[in-house]
């Protein structure tokens, strides 16, 4: 499911989500939170951020009830991405700051990778280029050393724009190009793209 969403293969997702919903137990709050989070990510990816907001708010209620740090973090990442798509980077930034302040998340390098990419996106959205490049350097240096991780919760379109900015700033270009190829990212249409973009 995460591979399908991360690589932009959305055609199979409605069937998968229907099957997942049918199998949900009413007493399993964490599973219900995951279902609504995945639904929100799917709706975000297919350009329906308003509907995604409804799903991610339901997911938030479930994961907050359970109190497990990683599900809470992943739901907040999706929530922040939805806010960015709806034009509210301040709300997105507040959610990401909550995540960064949670010391439990620092134990997972994979989670830090996602947080840094989401934080770079949010900073770029607010024209804070130096801050965004700091997060890009942290994310892509880690990926160069440890390998490229899952991009759970991130918008492919937005991540493509972050990668274009990273290439423009010459931040870990080999690793950035590998991320683009692995997750089938497309360059942003609204701006010039570095010659370093790995065109097919």
N, C-alpha and C. Protein backbone atom coordinates (compact mmCIF):
# COMPACT_ATOMS: atom_id res chain seq x y z
N UNK A 1 0.82 -1.20 0.00
CA UNK A 1 0.00 0.00 0.00
C UNK A 1 0.86 1.26 0.00
N UNK A 2 1.85 1.29 0.89
CA UNK A 2 2.72 2.47 0.97
C UNK A 2 3.56 2.61 -0.28
N UNK A 3 3.97 1.47 -0.87
CA UNK A 3 4.73 1.52 -2.12
C UNK A 3 3.85 2.09 -3.23
N UNK A 4 2.61 1.64 -3.30
CA UNK A 4 1.69 2.14 -4.33
C UNK A 4 1.49 3.65 -4.19
N UNK A 5 1.25 4.10 -2.98
CA UNK A 5 1.03 5.52 -2.76
C UNK A 5 2.30 6.33 -3.00
N UNK A 6 3.43 5.79 -2.56
CA UNK A 6 4.68 6.53 -2.69
C UNK A 6 5.15 6.66 -4.13
N UNK A 7 4.82 5.69 -4.97
CA UNK A 7 5.28 5.72 -6.36
C UNK A 7 4.21 6.23 -7.32
N UNK A 8 3.08 6.67 -6.77
CA UNK A 8 2.06 7.25 -7.63
C UNK A 8 1.19 6.26 -8.38
N UNK A 9 1.14 5.01 -7.90
CA UNK A 9 0.30 3.99 -8.54
C UNK A 9 -1.05 3.95 -7.80
N UNK A 10 -1.92 4.86 -8.17
CA UNK A 10 -3.13 5.09 -7.38
C UNK A 10 -4.32 4.23 -7.80
N UNK A 11 -4.27 3.62 -8.96
CA UNK A 11 -5.44 2.93 -9.49
C UNK A 11 -5.94 1.81 -8.58
N UNK A 12 -5.00 1.14 -7.90
CA UNK A 12 -5.37 0.00 -7.07
C UNK A 12 -5.79 0.40 -5.65
N UNK A 13 -5.59 1.65 -5.31
CA UNK A 13 -5.81 2.07 -3.92
C UNK A 13 -7.27 2.01 -3.46
N UNK A 14 -8.25 2.43 -4.26
CA UNK A 14 -9.63 2.34 -3.77
C UNK A 14 -10.02 0.92 -3.36
N UNK A 15 -9.63 -0.07 -4.16
CA UNK A 15 -9.96 -1.46 -3.83
C UNK A 15 -9.25 -1.86 -2.54
N UNK A 16 -7.97 -1.51 -2.43
CA UNK A 16 -7.22 -1.86 -1.22
C UNK A 16 -7.86 -1.23 0.02
N UNK A 17 -8.21 0.04 -0.07
CA UNK A 17 -8.80 0.74 1.08
C UNK A 17 -10.16 0.15 1.44
N UNK A 18 -10.95 -0.24 0.43
CA UNK A 18 -12.24 -0.88 0.70
C UNK A 18 -12.04 -2.20 1.45
N UNK A 19 -11.05 -2.97 1.03
CA UNK A 19 -10.75 -4.25 1.70
C UNK A 19 -10.27 -4.02 3.12
N UNK A 20 -9.44 -3.01 3.29
CA UNK A 20 -8.93 -2.69 4.61
C UNK A 20 -10.06 -2.27 5.55
N UNK A 21 -10.96 -1.42 5.03
CA UNK A 21 -12.08 -0.95 5.85
C UNK A 21 -12.99 -2.11 6.25
N UNK A 22 -13.22 -3.04 5.32
CA UNK A 22 -14.09 -4.18 5.61
C UNK A 22 -13.51 -5.08 6.69
N UNK A 23 -12.19 -5.10 6.79
CA UNK A 23 -11.53 -5.98 7.76
C UNK A 23 -11.30 -5.32 9.11
N UNK A 24 -11.64 -4.05 9.24
CA UNK A 24 -11.37 -3.34 10.49
C UNK A 24 -12.23 -3.86 11.64
N UNK A 25 -11.59 -3.97 12.79
CA UNK A 25 -12.33 -4.29 14.01
C UNK A 25 -12.72 -2.99 14.71
N UNK A 26 -13.97 -2.88 15.18
CA UNK A 26 -14.39 -1.63 15.83
C UNK A 26 -13.64 -1.34 17.13
N UNK A 27 -12.98 -2.35 17.69
CA UNK A 27 -12.25 -2.13 18.94
C UNK A 27 -10.78 -1.81 18.71
N UNK A 28 -10.32 -1.93 17.47
CA UNK A 28 -8.90 -1.67 17.17
C UNK A 28 -8.73 -0.22 16.73
N UNK A 29 -8.51 0.65 17.69
CA UNK A 29 -8.40 2.08 17.41
C UNK A 29 -7.18 2.39 16.54
N UNK A 30 -6.07 1.71 16.78
CA UNK A 30 -4.85 1.99 16.03
C UNK A 30 -5.02 1.61 14.56
N UNK A 31 -5.67 0.46 14.29
CA UNK A 31 -5.91 0.06 12.91
C UNK A 31 -6.85 1.05 12.20
N UNK A 32 -7.84 1.52 12.94
CA UNK A 32 -8.75 2.50 12.34
C UNK A 32 -8.01 3.81 12.04
N UNK A 33 -7.11 4.19 12.95
CA UNK A 33 -6.30 5.38 12.70
C UNK A 33 -5.45 5.22 11.46
N UNK A 34 -4.84 4.03 11.29
CA UNK A 34 -4.01 3.79 10.11
C UNK A 34 -4.85 3.84 8.84
N UNK A 35 -6.04 3.25 8.89
CA UNK A 35 -6.91 3.27 7.71
C UNK A 35 -7.24 4.71 7.29
N UNK A 36 -7.65 5.53 8.25
CA UNK A 36 -8.01 6.91 7.91
C UNK A 36 -6.79 7.73 7.49
N UNK A 37 -5.63 7.42 8.05
CA UNK A 37 -4.41 8.11 7.64
C UNK A 37 -4.04 7.76 6.20
N UNK A 38 -4.10 6.47 5.86
CA UNK A 38 -3.83 6.05 4.48
C UNK A 38 -4.85 6.65 3.51
N UNK A 39 -6.11 6.71 3.94
CA UNK A 39 -7.14 7.33 3.09
C UNK A 39 -6.82 8.80 2.85
N UNK A 40 -6.36 9.48 3.90
CA UNK A 40 -6.00 10.90 3.77
C UNK A 40 -4.82 11.06 2.83
N UNK A 41 -3.82 10.19 2.97
CA UNK A 41 -2.65 10.27 2.09
C UNK A 41 -3.05 10.04 0.64
N UNK A 42 -3.91 9.05 0.42
CA UNK A 42 -4.40 8.78 -0.93
C UNK A 42 -5.12 9.99 -1.52
N UNK A 43 -6.03 10.57 -0.75
CA UNK A 43 -6.78 11.74 -1.23
C UNK A 43 -5.86 12.92 -1.48
N UNK A 44 -4.84 13.08 -0.65
CA UNK A 44 -3.84 14.12 -0.86
C UNK A 44 -3.12 13.90 -2.20
N UNK A 45 -2.73 12.65 -2.44
CA UNK A 45 -1.97 12.34 -3.65
C UNK A 45 -2.79 12.56 -4.93
N UNK A 46 -4.09 12.33 -4.86
CA UNK A 46 -4.92 12.47 -6.07
C UNK A 46 -5.57 13.85 -6.17
N UNK A 47 -5.09 14.81 -5.35
CA UNK A 47 -5.53 16.18 -5.50
C UNK A 47 -6.85 16.53 -4.85
N UNK A 48 -7.18 15.86 -3.74
CA UNK A 48 -8.42 16.17 -3.01
C UNK A 48 -8.09 16.52 -1.55
N UNK A 49 -7.40 17.65 -1.33
CA UNK A 49 -6.94 17.97 0.03
C UNK A 49 -8.08 18.27 1.02
N UNK A 50 -9.19 18.79 0.54
CA UNK A 50 -10.30 19.08 1.46
C UNK A 50 -10.85 17.79 2.04
N UNK A 51 -11.05 16.80 1.18
CA UNK A 51 -11.51 15.49 1.67
C UNK A 51 -10.43 14.82 2.52
N UNK A 52 -9.17 15.02 2.15
CA UNK A 52 -8.07 14.46 2.95
C UNK A 52 -8.07 15.03 4.36
N UNK A 53 -8.41 16.30 4.49
CA UNK A 53 -8.44 16.92 5.82
C UNK A 53 -9.45 16.20 6.72
N UNK A 54 -10.61 15.87 6.19
CA UNK A 54 -11.60 15.16 7.00
C UNK A 54 -11.08 13.82 7.48
N UNK A 55 -10.41 13.09 6.59
CA UNK A 55 -9.88 11.77 6.96
C UNK A 55 -8.74 11.89 7.98
N UNK A 56 -7.86 12.86 7.80
CA UNK A 56 -6.71 12.95 8.71
C UNK A 56 -7.15 13.44 10.09
N UNK A 57 -8.22 14.21 10.16
CA UNK A 57 -8.73 14.63 11.47
C UNK A 57 -9.32 13.43 12.23
N UNK A 58 -9.98 12.53 11.51
CA UNK A 58 -10.47 11.30 12.15
C UNK A 58 -9.29 10.45 12.61
N UNK A 59 -8.27 10.32 11.74
CA UNK A 59 -7.08 9.54 12.10
C UNK A 59 -6.41 10.11 13.35
N UNK A 60 -6.36 11.43 13.45
CA UNK A 60 -5.74 12.07 14.61
C UNK A 60 -6.44 11.67 15.90
N UNK A 61 -7.76 11.66 15.88
CA UNK A 61 -8.51 11.26 17.09
C UNK A 61 -8.15 9.85 17.52
N UNK A 62 -8.05 8.94 16.56
CA UNK A 62 -7.76 7.54 16.90
C UNK A 62 -6.34 7.37 17.44
N UNK A 63 -5.35 7.95 16.75
CA UNK A 63 -3.96 7.72 17.19
C UNK A 63 -3.65 8.47 18.47
N UNK A 64 -4.25 9.64 18.68
CA UNK A 64 -4.04 10.34 19.94
C UNK A 64 -4.61 9.53 21.11
N UNK A 65 -5.73 8.86 20.87
CA UNK A 65 -6.33 8.01 21.90
C UNK A 65 -5.37 6.88 22.28
N UNK A 66 -4.68 6.32 21.26
CA UNK A 66 -3.78 5.19 21.52
C UNK A 66 -2.46 5.64 22.14
N UNK A 67 -1.98 6.82 21.78
CA UNK A 67 -0.79 7.38 22.41
C UNK A 67 0.54 6.85 21.91
N UNK A 68 0.58 6.09 20.84
CA UNK A 68 1.84 5.55 20.30
C UNK A 68 2.53 6.60 19.44
N UNK A 69 3.82 6.83 19.69
CA UNK A 69 4.49 7.99 19.11
C UNK A 69 4.62 7.92 17.59
N UNK A 70 4.97 6.77 17.03
CA UNK A 70 5.21 6.71 15.59
C UNK A 70 3.92 6.93 14.80
N UNK A 71 2.80 6.24 15.14
CA UNK A 71 1.56 6.57 14.42
C UNK A 71 1.15 8.03 14.56
N UNK A 72 1.32 8.60 15.75
CA UNK A 72 0.99 10.01 15.94
C UNK A 72 1.83 10.88 15.01
N UNK A 73 3.12 10.57 14.93
CA UNK A 73 4.03 11.35 14.07
C UNK A 73 3.62 11.25 12.61
N UNK A 74 3.35 10.04 12.13
CA UNK A 74 3.01 9.86 10.72
C UNK A 74 1.70 10.56 10.36
N UNK A 75 0.73 10.49 11.27
CA UNK A 75 -0.53 11.19 11.02
C UNK A 75 -0.29 12.70 10.97
N UNK A 76 0.56 13.21 11.85
CA UNK A 76 0.84 14.65 11.84
C UNK A 76 1.58 15.07 10.58
N UNK A 77 2.44 14.21 10.05
CA UNK A 77 3.11 14.53 8.79
C UNK A 77 2.06 14.68 7.67
N UNK A 78 1.15 13.71 7.58
CA UNK A 78 0.08 13.81 6.57
C UNK A 78 -0.75 15.07 6.80
N UNK A 79 -1.07 15.33 8.06
CA UNK A 79 -1.88 16.51 8.41
C UNK A 79 -1.17 17.79 7.95
N UNK A 80 0.15 17.86 8.19
CA UNK A 80 0.93 19.03 7.79
C UNK A 80 0.93 19.18 6.27
N UNK A 81 1.07 18.07 5.54
CA UNK A 81 1.06 18.13 4.08
C UNK A 81 -0.29 18.61 3.56
N UNK A 82 -1.36 18.18 4.20
CA UNK A 82 -2.69 18.63 3.79
C UNK A 82 -2.83 20.13 4.02
N UNK A 83 -2.35 20.62 5.18
CA UNK A 83 -2.39 22.07 5.43
C UNK A 83 -1.62 22.83 4.35
N UNK A 84 -0.45 22.31 3.95
CA UNK A 84 0.32 22.97 2.90
C UNK A 84 -0.46 23.02 1.58
N UNK A 85 -1.11 21.92 1.25
CA UNK A 85 -1.89 21.88 0.01
C UNK A 85 -3.07 22.86 0.07
N UNK A 86 -3.57 23.10 1.27
CA UNK A 86 -4.69 24.03 1.43
C UNK A 86 -4.23 25.47 1.66
N UNK A 87 -2.91 25.69 1.56
CA UNK A 87 -2.37 27.05 1.63
C UNK A 87 -2.18 27.58 3.04
N UNK A 88 -1.97 26.71 4.01
CA UNK A 88 -1.78 27.15 5.40
C UNK A 88 -0.45 26.62 5.95
N UNK A 89 0.68 27.20 5.53
CA UNK A 89 1.98 26.73 6.01
C UNK A 89 2.21 26.98 7.50
N UNK A 90 1.52 27.96 8.07
CA UNK A 90 1.69 28.23 9.51
C UNK A 90 1.16 27.06 10.33
N UNK A 91 -0.03 26.57 9.97
CA UNK A 91 -0.58 25.41 10.67
C UNK A 91 0.29 24.18 10.43
N UNK A 92 0.79 24.02 9.21
CA UNK A 92 1.68 22.90 8.92
C UNK A 92 2.94 22.98 9.76
N UNK A 93 3.51 24.17 9.85
CA UNK A 93 4.73 24.35 10.64
C UNK A 93 4.53 24.06 12.11
N UNK A 94 3.35 24.42 12.65
CA UNK A 94 3.07 24.15 14.06
C UNK A 94 3.02 22.65 14.32
N UNK A 95 2.42 21.90 13.41
CA UNK A 95 2.37 20.44 13.57
C UNK A 95 3.77 19.83 13.50
N UNK A 96 4.57 20.29 12.56
CA UNK A 96 5.92 19.75 12.42
C UNK A 96 6.80 20.11 13.62
N UNK A 97 6.58 21.29 14.18
CA UNK A 97 7.33 21.66 15.38
C UNK A 97 6.96 20.75 16.55
N UNK A 98 5.69 20.40 16.67
CA UNK A 98 5.26 19.45 17.71
C UNK A 98 6.00 18.12 17.55
N UNK A 99 6.13 17.68 16.31
CA UNK A 99 6.82 16.42 16.04
C UNK A 99 8.29 16.53 16.45
N UNK A 100 8.93 17.62 16.03
CA UNK A 100 10.36 17.77 16.31
C UNK A 100 10.65 17.86 17.79
N UNK A 101 9.68 18.35 18.56
CA UNK A 101 9.87 18.47 20.01
C UNK A 101 9.66 17.15 20.75
N UNK A 102 9.11 16.16 20.07
CA UNK A 102 8.85 14.86 20.70
C UNK A 102 10.12 14.02 20.66
N UNK A 103 10.76 13.87 21.80
CA UNK A 103 12.06 13.18 21.85
C UNK A 103 11.94 11.71 21.47
N UNK A 104 10.76 11.13 21.57
CA UNK A 104 10.59 9.71 21.22
C UNK A 104 10.85 9.47 19.75
N UNK A 105 10.59 10.47 18.90
CA UNK A 105 10.76 10.30 17.46
C UNK A 105 12.22 10.25 17.06
N UNK A 106 13.08 10.77 17.91
CA UNK A 106 14.51 10.83 17.55
C UNK A 106 15.17 9.47 17.57
N UNK A 107 14.47 8.47 18.11
CA UNK A 107 15.05 7.13 18.15
C UNK A 107 14.97 6.42 16.81
N UNK A 108 14.16 6.92 15.90
CA UNK A 108 13.97 6.27 14.61
C UNK A 108 14.55 7.14 13.50
N UNK A 109 15.60 6.64 12.84
CA UNK A 109 16.20 7.41 11.75
C UNK A 109 15.25 7.50 10.57
N UNK A 110 14.43 6.46 10.36
CA UNK A 110 13.47 6.50 9.27
C UNK A 110 12.42 7.59 9.46
N UNK A 111 11.99 7.77 10.70
CA UNK A 111 11.02 8.82 11.00
C UNK A 111 11.67 10.19 10.85
N UNK A 112 12.92 10.33 11.29
CA UNK A 112 13.63 11.60 11.15
C UNK A 112 13.77 11.99 9.68
N UNK A 113 14.01 11.00 8.83
CA UNK A 113 14.12 11.24 7.39
C UNK A 113 12.84 11.88 6.86
N UNK A 114 11.68 11.31 7.22
CA UNK A 114 10.39 11.85 6.77
C UNK A 114 10.16 13.25 7.34
N UNK A 115 10.47 13.43 8.62
CA UNK A 115 10.26 14.73 9.27
C UNK A 115 11.11 15.80 8.59
N UNK A 116 12.36 15.48 8.29
CA UNK A 116 13.23 16.48 7.66
C UNK A 116 12.73 16.86 6.27
N UNK A 117 12.27 15.88 5.49
CA UNK A 117 11.72 16.20 4.17
C UNK A 117 10.46 17.06 4.28
N UNK A 118 9.58 16.71 5.20
CA UNK A 118 8.36 17.49 5.40
C UNK A 118 8.69 18.90 5.89
N UNK A 119 9.69 19.00 6.76
CA UNK A 119 10.08 20.32 7.29
C UNK A 119 10.71 21.18 6.20
N UNK A 120 11.49 20.56 5.31
CA UNK A 120 12.06 21.31 4.18
C UNK A 120 10.94 21.85 3.29
N UNK A 121 9.96 21.03 3.01
CA UNK A 121 8.82 21.44 2.20
C UNK A 121 8.11 22.63 2.82
N UNK A 122 7.87 22.54 4.12
CA UNK A 122 7.15 23.61 4.82
C UNK A 122 7.96 24.90 4.81
N UNK A 123 9.28 24.80 5.02
CA UNK A 123 10.13 25.99 5.01
C UNK A 123 10.17 26.63 3.63
N UNK A 124 10.27 25.81 2.57
CA UNK A 124 10.23 26.36 1.22
C UNK A 124 8.91 27.08 0.96
N UNK A 125 7.82 26.52 1.48
CA UNK A 125 6.49 27.13 1.27
C UNK A 125 6.39 28.51 1.90
N UNK A 126 7.26 28.76 2.89
CA UNK A 126 7.27 30.05 3.58
C UNK A 126 8.45 30.91 3.16
N UNK A 127 9.10 30.51 2.05
CA UNK A 127 10.25 31.25 1.50
C UNK A 127 11.41 31.37 2.49
N UNK A 128 11.56 30.35 3.33
CA UNK A 128 12.69 30.31 4.27
C UNK A 128 13.73 29.33 3.70
N UNK A 129 14.43 29.79 2.68
CA UNK A 129 15.29 28.90 1.91
C UNK A 129 16.44 28.33 2.73
N UNK A 130 17.06 29.14 3.58
CA UNK A 130 18.20 28.66 4.37
C UNK A 130 17.77 27.54 5.31
N UNK A 131 16.62 27.72 5.95
CA UNK A 131 16.09 26.68 6.84
C UNK A 131 15.74 25.42 6.04
N UNK A 132 15.12 25.61 4.88
CA UNK A 132 14.75 24.47 4.05
C UNK A 132 15.99 23.69 3.61
N UNK A 133 17.04 24.41 3.22
CA UNK A 133 18.26 23.73 2.80
C UNK A 133 18.92 22.99 3.94
N UNK A 134 18.80 23.52 5.15
CA UNK A 134 19.32 22.80 6.33
C UNK A 134 18.62 21.45 6.48
N UNK A 135 17.30 21.45 6.36
CA UNK A 135 16.57 20.18 6.49
C UNK A 135 16.88 19.25 5.32
N UNK A 136 17.04 19.80 4.12
CA UNK A 136 17.41 18.97 2.97
C UNK A 136 18.77 18.32 3.19
N UNK A 137 19.72 19.10 3.66
CA UNK A 137 21.06 18.53 3.89
C UNK A 137 21.00 17.41 4.91
N UNK A 138 20.25 17.62 5.97
CA UNK A 138 20.13 16.58 7.00
C UNK A 138 19.49 15.32 6.43
N UNK A 139 18.41 15.51 5.67
CA UNK A 139 17.69 14.36 5.11
C UNK A 139 18.54 13.59 4.11
N UNK A 140 19.13 14.30 3.18
CA UNK A 140 19.83 13.61 2.09
C UNK A 140 21.21 13.10 2.51
N UNK A 141 21.84 13.75 3.49
CA UNK A 141 23.10 13.20 4.02
C UNK A 141 22.82 11.88 4.73
N UNK A 142 21.72 11.84 5.48
CA UNK A 142 21.33 10.59 6.14
C UNK A 142 21.04 9.50 5.11
N UNK A 143 20.32 9.87 4.05
CA UNK A 143 19.97 8.89 3.03
C UNK A 143 21.22 8.38 2.31
N UNK A 144 22.19 9.24 2.10
CA UNK A 144 23.43 8.80 1.46
C UNK A 144 24.14 7.77 2.33
N UNK A 145 24.11 7.97 3.64
CA UNK A 145 24.83 7.09 4.55
C UNK A 145 24.05 5.83 4.88
N UNK A 146 22.73 5.96 5.03
CA UNK A 146 21.91 4.85 5.55
C UNK A 146 20.99 4.23 4.51
N UNK A 147 20.85 4.88 3.36
CA UNK A 147 19.92 4.40 2.35
C UNK A 147 18.63 5.22 2.34
N UNK A 148 18.00 5.26 1.19
CA UNK A 148 16.77 6.03 1.02
C UNK A 148 15.61 5.26 1.64
N UNK A 149 14.87 5.95 2.49
CA UNK A 149 13.79 5.30 3.21
C UNK A 149 12.42 5.54 2.58
N UNK A 150 11.41 5.05 3.25
CA UNK A 150 10.02 5.23 2.85
C UNK A 150 9.67 6.72 2.93
N UNK A 151 8.77 7.15 2.06
CA UNK A 151 8.34 8.55 2.07
C UNK A 151 6.89 8.65 2.54
N UNK A 152 6.56 7.91 3.55
CA UNK A 152 5.19 7.82 4.07
C UNK A 152 4.62 9.21 4.34
N UNK A 153 3.44 9.43 3.80
CA UNK A 153 2.69 10.64 4.12
C UNK A 153 3.03 11.85 3.29
N UNK A 154 4.05 11.77 2.45
CA UNK A 154 4.47 12.94 1.69
C UNK A 154 3.80 12.98 0.32
N UNK A 155 3.45 14.17 -0.10
CA UNK A 155 2.88 14.38 -1.43
C UNK A 155 3.98 14.22 -2.47
N UNK A 156 3.77 13.35 -3.47
CA UNK A 156 4.76 13.19 -4.53
C UNK A 156 5.02 14.51 -5.26
N UNK A 157 3.96 15.25 -5.50
CA UNK A 157 4.12 16.51 -6.22
C UNK A 157 4.97 17.48 -5.41
N UNK A 158 4.70 17.57 -4.13
CA UNK A 158 5.45 18.48 -3.27
C UNK A 158 6.89 18.00 -3.10
N UNK A 159 7.07 16.69 -2.96
CA UNK A 159 8.41 16.16 -2.79
C UNK A 159 9.25 16.37 -4.05
N UNK A 160 8.61 16.27 -5.23
CA UNK A 160 9.32 16.57 -6.46
C UNK A 160 9.85 18.00 -6.47
N UNK A 161 9.04 18.94 -5.94
CA UNK A 161 9.49 20.34 -5.87
C UNK A 161 10.64 20.50 -4.89
N UNK A 162 10.59 19.78 -3.76
CA UNK A 162 11.70 19.83 -2.80
C UNK A 162 12.98 19.30 -3.45
N UNK A 163 12.87 18.20 -4.18
CA UNK A 163 14.04 17.63 -4.85
C UNK A 163 14.61 18.59 -5.89
N UNK A 164 13.74 19.29 -6.63
CA UNK A 164 14.21 20.27 -7.60
C UNK A 164 15.00 21.38 -6.92
N UNK A 165 14.52 21.84 -5.76
CA UNK A 165 15.23 22.88 -5.01
C UNK A 165 16.57 22.35 -4.50
N UNK A 166 16.59 21.11 -4.03
CA UNK A 166 17.83 20.53 -3.53
C UNK A 166 18.87 20.41 -4.65
N UNK A 167 18.43 19.99 -5.83
CA UNK A 167 19.36 19.90 -6.95
C UNK A 167 19.88 21.29 -7.34
N UNK A 168 18.99 22.25 -7.31
CA UNK A 168 19.39 23.63 -7.65
C UNK A 168 20.45 24.13 -6.68
N UNK A 169 20.36 23.73 -5.40
CA UNK A 169 21.33 24.13 -4.38
C UNK A 169 22.52 23.18 -4.30
N UNK A 170 22.55 22.18 -5.18
CA UNK A 170 23.63 21.18 -5.23
C UNK A 170 23.77 20.43 -3.90
N UNK A 171 22.64 20.06 -3.32
CA UNK A 171 22.62 19.31 -2.06
C UNK A 171 22.54 17.82 -2.38
N UNK A 172 23.60 17.09 -2.09
CA UNK A 172 23.64 15.63 -2.27
C UNK A 172 22.98 15.20 -3.58
N UNK A 173 23.45 15.71 -4.73
CA UNK A 173 22.72 15.47 -5.98
C UNK A 173 22.55 14.00 -6.36
N UNK A 174 23.54 13.17 -6.10
CA UNK A 174 23.40 11.75 -6.46
C UNK A 174 22.27 11.10 -5.68
N UNK A 175 22.20 11.41 -4.38
CA UNK A 175 21.16 10.84 -3.54
C UNK A 175 19.78 11.38 -3.93
N UNK A 176 19.72 12.67 -4.23
CA UNK A 176 18.45 13.27 -4.65
C UNK A 176 17.96 12.61 -5.94
N UNK A 177 18.87 12.43 -6.90
CA UNK A 177 18.46 11.79 -8.16
C UNK A 177 17.99 10.36 -7.92
N UNK A 178 18.64 9.66 -7.00
CA UNK A 178 18.21 8.29 -6.70
C UNK A 178 16.82 8.28 -6.08
N UNK A 179 16.53 9.24 -5.20
CA UNK A 179 15.18 9.34 -4.62
C UNK A 179 14.15 9.59 -5.72
N UNK A 180 14.46 10.51 -6.62
CA UNK A 180 13.54 10.83 -7.71
C UNK A 180 13.22 9.58 -8.53
N UNK A 181 14.25 8.83 -8.88
CA UNK A 181 14.05 7.64 -9.71
C UNK A 181 13.30 6.55 -8.95
N UNK A 182 13.66 6.35 -7.69
CA UNK A 182 13.05 5.26 -6.92
C UNK A 182 11.56 5.48 -6.71
N UNK A 183 11.18 6.74 -6.45
CA UNK A 183 9.78 7.01 -6.14
C UNK A 183 9.04 7.64 -7.31
N UNK A 184 9.64 7.61 -8.51
CA UNK A 184 8.99 8.04 -9.74
C UNK A 184 8.48 9.48 -9.63
N UNK A 185 9.30 10.36 -9.07
CA UNK A 185 8.88 11.75 -8.88
C UNK A 185 8.98 12.52 -10.18
N UNK A 186 8.11 13.52 -10.31
CA UNK A 186 8.10 14.38 -11.49
C UNK A 186 8.56 15.78 -11.10
N UNK A 187 9.20 16.48 -12.02
CA UNK A 187 9.65 17.84 -11.70
C UNK A 187 8.48 18.79 -11.64
N UNK A 188 8.61 19.87 -10.87
CA UNK A 188 7.54 20.86 -10.82
C UNK A 188 7.39 21.55 -12.16
N UNK A 189 6.15 21.78 -12.55
CA UNK A 189 5.90 22.37 -13.87
C UNK A 189 6.01 23.89 -13.85
N UNK A 190 5.98 24.48 -12.65
CA UNK A 190 5.85 25.94 -12.55
C UNK A 190 7.19 26.67 -12.54
N UNK A 191 8.30 25.95 -12.57
CA UNK A 191 9.60 26.63 -12.49
C UNK A 191 10.63 25.86 -13.31
N UNK A 192 11.73 26.53 -13.60
CA UNK A 192 12.78 25.87 -14.35
C UNK A 192 13.39 24.76 -13.50
N UNK A 193 13.80 23.69 -14.13
CA UNK A 193 14.31 22.53 -13.43
C UNK A 193 15.79 22.36 -13.76
N UNK A 194 16.57 22.05 -12.75
CA UNK A 194 18.01 21.86 -12.92
C UNK A 194 18.30 20.81 -13.99
N UNK A 195 19.39 21.03 -14.71
CA UNK A 195 19.82 20.02 -15.68
C UNK A 195 20.19 18.71 -15.00
N UNK A 196 20.35 18.76 -13.68
CA UNK A 196 20.70 17.54 -12.95
C UNK A 196 19.50 16.61 -12.74
N UNK A 197 18.29 17.10 -13.05
CA UNK A 197 17.11 16.23 -12.88
C UNK A 197 17.27 14.99 -13.76
N UNK A 198 17.02 13.80 -13.20
CA UNK A 198 17.22 12.57 -13.98
C UNK A 198 16.06 12.29 -14.93
N UNK A 199 16.08 12.95 -16.06
CA UNK A 199 15.02 12.75 -17.03
C UNK A 199 15.03 11.32 -17.54
N UNK A 200 13.85 10.74 -17.78
CA UNK A 200 13.81 9.36 -18.26
C UNK A 200 14.36 9.23 -19.67
